[in-house]
Protein backbone atom coordinates (compact mmCIF):
# COMPACT_ATOMS: atom_id res chain seq x y z
CA MET A 1 6.59 16.42 -14.41
CA LYS A 2 3.07 15.47 -14.53
CA ILE A 3 1.21 14.79 -17.93
CA ASN A 4 -2.38 15.42 -18.17
CA ASP A 5 -4.40 12.23 -18.52
CA GLY A 6 -6.23 13.57 -21.52
CA ILE A 7 -2.92 13.95 -23.32
CA ILE A 8 -1.95 10.32 -22.45
CA LYS A 9 -5.37 9.17 -23.60
CA HIS A 10 -4.93 10.83 -26.95
CA TYR A 11 -1.66 9.17 -27.56
CA LEU A 12 -2.94 5.72 -26.55
CA LYS A 13 -5.97 5.84 -28.82
CA ASN A 14 -4.40 2.85 -30.84
CA VAL A 15 -3.83 0.79 -27.75
CA PHE A 16 -6.37 -1.94 -26.55
CA PHE A 17 -6.01 -3.40 -23.04
CA ILE A 18 -6.65 -6.77 -21.54
CA ASN A 19 -6.67 -7.06 -17.76
CA GLY A 20 -8.03 -9.39 -15.14
CA THR A 21 -7.29 -12.31 -13.01
CA ALA A 22 -4.73 -15.18 -13.51
CA TYR A 23 -5.74 -18.17 -15.64
CA ALA A 24 -8.52 -16.21 -17.31
CA GLY A 25 -6.95 -16.48 -20.75
CA LYS A 26 -5.57 -13.01 -21.08
CA SER A 27 -2.40 -13.94 -22.79
CA THR A 28 -4.15 -16.35 -25.24
CA MET A 29 -6.87 -13.77 -26.10
CA ALA A 30 -4.36 -11.11 -26.72
CA ALA A 31 -2.26 -13.24 -29.02
CA LEU A 32 -5.35 -14.32 -30.93
CA LEU A 33 -6.67 -10.74 -31.49
CA ALA A 34 -3.17 -9.60 -32.57
CA SER A 35 -3.01 -12.37 -35.12
CA LYS A 36 -6.66 -11.90 -36.32
CA HIS A 37 -6.38 -8.00 -36.69
CA ASN A 38 -2.65 -7.45 -37.42
CA MET A 39 -1.97 -5.76 -34.19
CA ILE A 40 1.23 -5.44 -32.37
CA LEU A 41 1.30 -7.85 -29.40
CA CYS A 42 2.56 -6.68 -26.11
CA GLY A 43 2.48 -9.86 -23.98
CA GLU A 44 3.42 -10.40 -20.30
CA ASN A 45 6.67 -8.69 -19.51
CA TYR A 46 6.97 -6.82 -22.68
CA HIS A 47 8.56 -4.04 -20.86
CA THR A 48 11.52 -5.85 -19.34
CA LYS A 49 14.01 -4.62 -21.90
CA THR A 50 13.42 -1.05 -20.80
CA THR A 51 13.06 -1.63 -17.16
CA SER A 52 16.27 -3.67 -17.01
CA ILE A 53 18.15 -0.59 -18.09
CA LEU A 54 16.17 2.35 -16.37
CA ALA A 55 14.91 0.93 -13.17
CA TYR A 56 17.06 1.15 -10.17
CA PRO A 57 16.49 -0.13 -6.58
CA GLU A 58 16.29 3.29 -4.91
CA GLN A 59 13.25 4.47 -6.97
CA TYR A 60 11.95 0.96 -8.13
CA PRO A 61 12.50 -1.44 -5.14
CA ASN A 62 9.82 -3.92 -6.36
CA LEU A 63 10.88 -3.94 -10.12
CA CYS A 64 14.44 -4.53 -8.86
CA TYR A 65 13.51 -7.13 -6.22
CA PHE A 66 15.19 -9.96 -8.22
CA HIS A 67 18.46 -8.12 -8.11
CA THR A 68 18.26 -7.55 -4.44
CA MET A 69 16.77 -10.69 -2.97
CA LYS A 70 18.88 -13.08 -0.98
CA ASP A 71 18.05 -16.06 -3.10
CA TRP A 72 15.05 -17.95 -4.68
CA GLN A 73 14.18 -19.58 -1.34
CA GLU A 74 13.45 -16.18 0.03
CA PHE A 75 11.14 -15.42 -2.96
CA VAL A 76 9.03 -18.70 -2.50
CA ASN A 77 8.81 -18.37 1.18
CA ARG A 78 7.52 -14.94 1.51
CA THR A 79 4.25 -14.49 3.45
CA PRO A 80 1.15 -14.03 1.47
CA GLU A 81 1.03 -10.35 2.65
CA GLU A 82 4.70 -9.75 1.54
CA TYR A 83 3.93 -11.34 -1.79
CA SER A 84 0.81 -9.33 -2.37
CA ALA A 85 2.54 -6.04 -1.42
CA TRP A 86 5.23 -6.85 -3.94
CA ILE A 87 2.80 -7.56 -6.79
CA GLU A 88 1.05 -4.38 -6.08
CA GLY A 89 4.16 -2.39 -5.82
CA THR A 90 5.58 -3.82 -9.02
CA THR A 91 2.27 -3.05 -10.84
CA ASN A 92 2.42 0.62 -9.74
CA GLU A 93 5.99 1.00 -10.45
CA LEU A 94 5.52 -0.38 -14.00
CA VAL A 95 2.76 2.02 -15.05
CA GLU A 96 4.92 4.84 -16.33
CA PHE A 97 7.23 2.36 -18.13
CA GLU A 98 4.11 0.80 -19.82
CA ILE A 99 2.48 3.93 -20.81
CA ALA A 100 5.84 5.40 -22.31
CA GLU A 101 6.49 2.15 -24.28
CA LEU A 102 2.88 1.94 -25.54
CA ILE A 103 2.97 5.52 -26.70
CA HIS A 104 6.17 4.80 -28.50
CA ILE A 105 5.06 1.81 -30.45
CA SER A 106 1.38 2.71 -31.33
CA LYS A 107 1.72 5.71 -33.37
CA ASP A 108 1.08 4.09 -36.74
CA ARG A 109 -0.43 0.68 -35.70
CA LYS A 110 -2.91 -0.72 -33.37
CA VAL A 111 -1.46 -2.47 -30.31
CA ILE A 112 -3.01 -5.04 -27.94
CA VAL A 113 -1.42 -5.41 -24.39
CA ASP A 114 -1.77 -7.95 -21.72
CA THR A 115 -1.39 -5.51 -18.80
CA ASN A 116 -1.72 -5.14 -15.03
CA ILE A 117 -2.29 -1.34 -15.25
CA PRO A 118 -4.66 -0.60 -12.35
CA ILE A 119 -8.41 -0.15 -13.24
CA GLU A 120 -8.51 3.37 -11.82
CA ILE A 121 -5.62 4.35 -14.18
CA LEU A 122 -7.12 2.65 -17.14
CA LYS A 123 -10.24 4.57 -16.62
CA ARG A 124 -8.44 7.82 -16.96
CA ILE A 125 -6.32 6.94 -19.91
CA ALA A 126 -8.48 4.69 -22.16
CA ASP A 127 -12.03 4.78 -23.49
CA HIS A 128 -14.60 2.05 -22.51
CA HIS A 129 -14.06 0.27 -25.88
CA GLN A 130 -10.37 -0.11 -25.46
CA VAL A 131 -10.37 -2.24 -22.28
CA ALA A 132 -11.58 -5.82 -21.78
CA ILE A 133 -11.51 -7.70 -18.44
CA LEU A 134 -11.08 -11.53 -18.25
CA LEU A 135 -11.86 -13.36 -14.98
CA SER A 136 -11.32 -16.92 -13.70
CA PRO A 137 -12.31 -18.59 -10.29
CA GLN A 138 -9.72 -18.13 -7.54
CA SER A 139 -9.54 -21.94 -7.39
CA MET A 140 -8.47 -22.23 -10.90
CA SER A 141 -5.54 -19.77 -10.45
CA VAL A 142 -4.41 -21.47 -7.34
CA ASP A 143 -4.90 -25.25 -8.27
CA ARG A 144 -3.62 -24.96 -11.77
CA PHE A 145 -0.88 -22.36 -11.32
CA PHE A 146 1.90 -24.98 -12.12
CA ASP A 147 0.01 -26.72 -14.86
CA ARG A 148 1.44 -24.54 -17.40
CA LYS A 149 4.76 -25.55 -18.94
CA ASP A 150 6.24 -22.11 -19.47
CA PRO A 151 9.92 -21.94 -18.15
CA ASP A 152 9.29 -19.18 -15.30
CA LYS A 153 6.59 -21.27 -13.54
CA GLN A 154 8.48 -24.65 -13.97
CA PHE A 155 11.60 -22.85 -12.43
CA LEU A 156 9.47 -21.66 -9.51
CA LEU A 157 8.35 -25.21 -8.96
CA SER A 158 11.74 -26.48 -9.00
CA GLN A 159 12.86 -23.96 -6.28
CA ILE A 160 9.77 -24.98 -4.13
CA GLN A 161 10.85 -28.60 -4.47
CA LYS A 162 14.41 -27.67 -3.26
CA ALA A 163 13.01 -26.12 -0.22
CA GLU A 164 13.72 -27.57 3.41
CA ASN A 165 10.14 -28.48 3.64
CA PRO A 166 8.62 -28.60 0.02
CA GLU A 167 5.03 -29.24 1.21
CA LYS A 168 5.04 -26.32 3.61
CA THR A 169 6.53 -23.97 1.07
CA MET A 170 4.02 -25.17 -1.58
CA GLU A 171 1.15 -24.57 0.74
CA ASN A 172 2.44 -20.96 1.60
CA PHE A 173 3.01 -20.22 -2.10
CA ARG A 174 -0.50 -21.25 -2.98
CA LYS A 175 -1.71 -18.95 -0.18
CA CYS A 176 0.19 -16.19 -1.97
CA ILE A 177 -1.44 -16.83 -5.20
CA ALA A 178 -4.85 -16.94 -3.56
CA LYS A 179 -4.06 -13.56 -1.78
CA ILE A 180 -3.52 -11.82 -5.18
CA ASN A 181 -6.50 -13.52 -6.76
CA SER A 182 -8.75 -12.66 -3.78
CA LYS A 183 -12.50 -12.10 -4.04
CA GLU A 184 -11.96 -8.52 -3.30
CA ASN A 185 -9.74 -8.17 -6.38
CA TYR A 186 -12.10 -10.32 -8.47
CA ASP A 187 -15.05 -8.03 -7.43
CA MET A 188 -12.98 -4.92 -8.21
CA PHE A 189 -12.58 -6.10 -11.82
CA LEU A 190 -16.09 -7.39 -12.13
CA ASN A 191 -17.53 -4.16 -10.97
CA SER A 192 -15.05 -1.93 -12.94
CA GLY A 193 -17.62 -1.12 -15.68
CA PHE A 194 -15.40 -2.49 -18.40
CA PHE A 195 -16.50 -5.33 -20.87
CA THR A 196 -16.01 -8.52 -18.93
CA ILE A 197 -15.66 -12.23 -19.81
CA ILE A 198 -15.83 -14.81 -17.12
CA ARG A 199 -14.13 -18.07 -17.82
């Protein structure tokens, strides 16, 4: 089944999207706007309750990677190319879950979402005023990735420290972060035509 983009756009008229690069303030901005304007906040990973029930490895291998990987050492020691492909694959597999969830919750109230929905899709399902892009320098996303105290990042740091060669694993993981926050991706966001704030 394929749903016309115009229909999806109609049902997402109450949804506002924030996208962009890592460490640009997307989560913070979404939370502030939600509080100020009494909007429903969909932060990072807001869709996991649904995907944990409906996503299965045969159709959603990237979303199910955490259930199929050998261990966390496999995760932190992937090549930058493998890591980037996984991020892109996960983003693409999440689109239908995100859209369905946003339609479901936005009927009677405005919603703001910290999202990774690809730019080319946002252009088809949202008006210009519904999307903001936040950008930060690649160096900030790489050098300060583990500065945040959130449990997920601190858990990854602990796994890197448990590696056979922690220094080599850390160097490799930083290359993974740099790969997904490349100049190419930065320029893609910068030239998207959407309202953009550079940190």
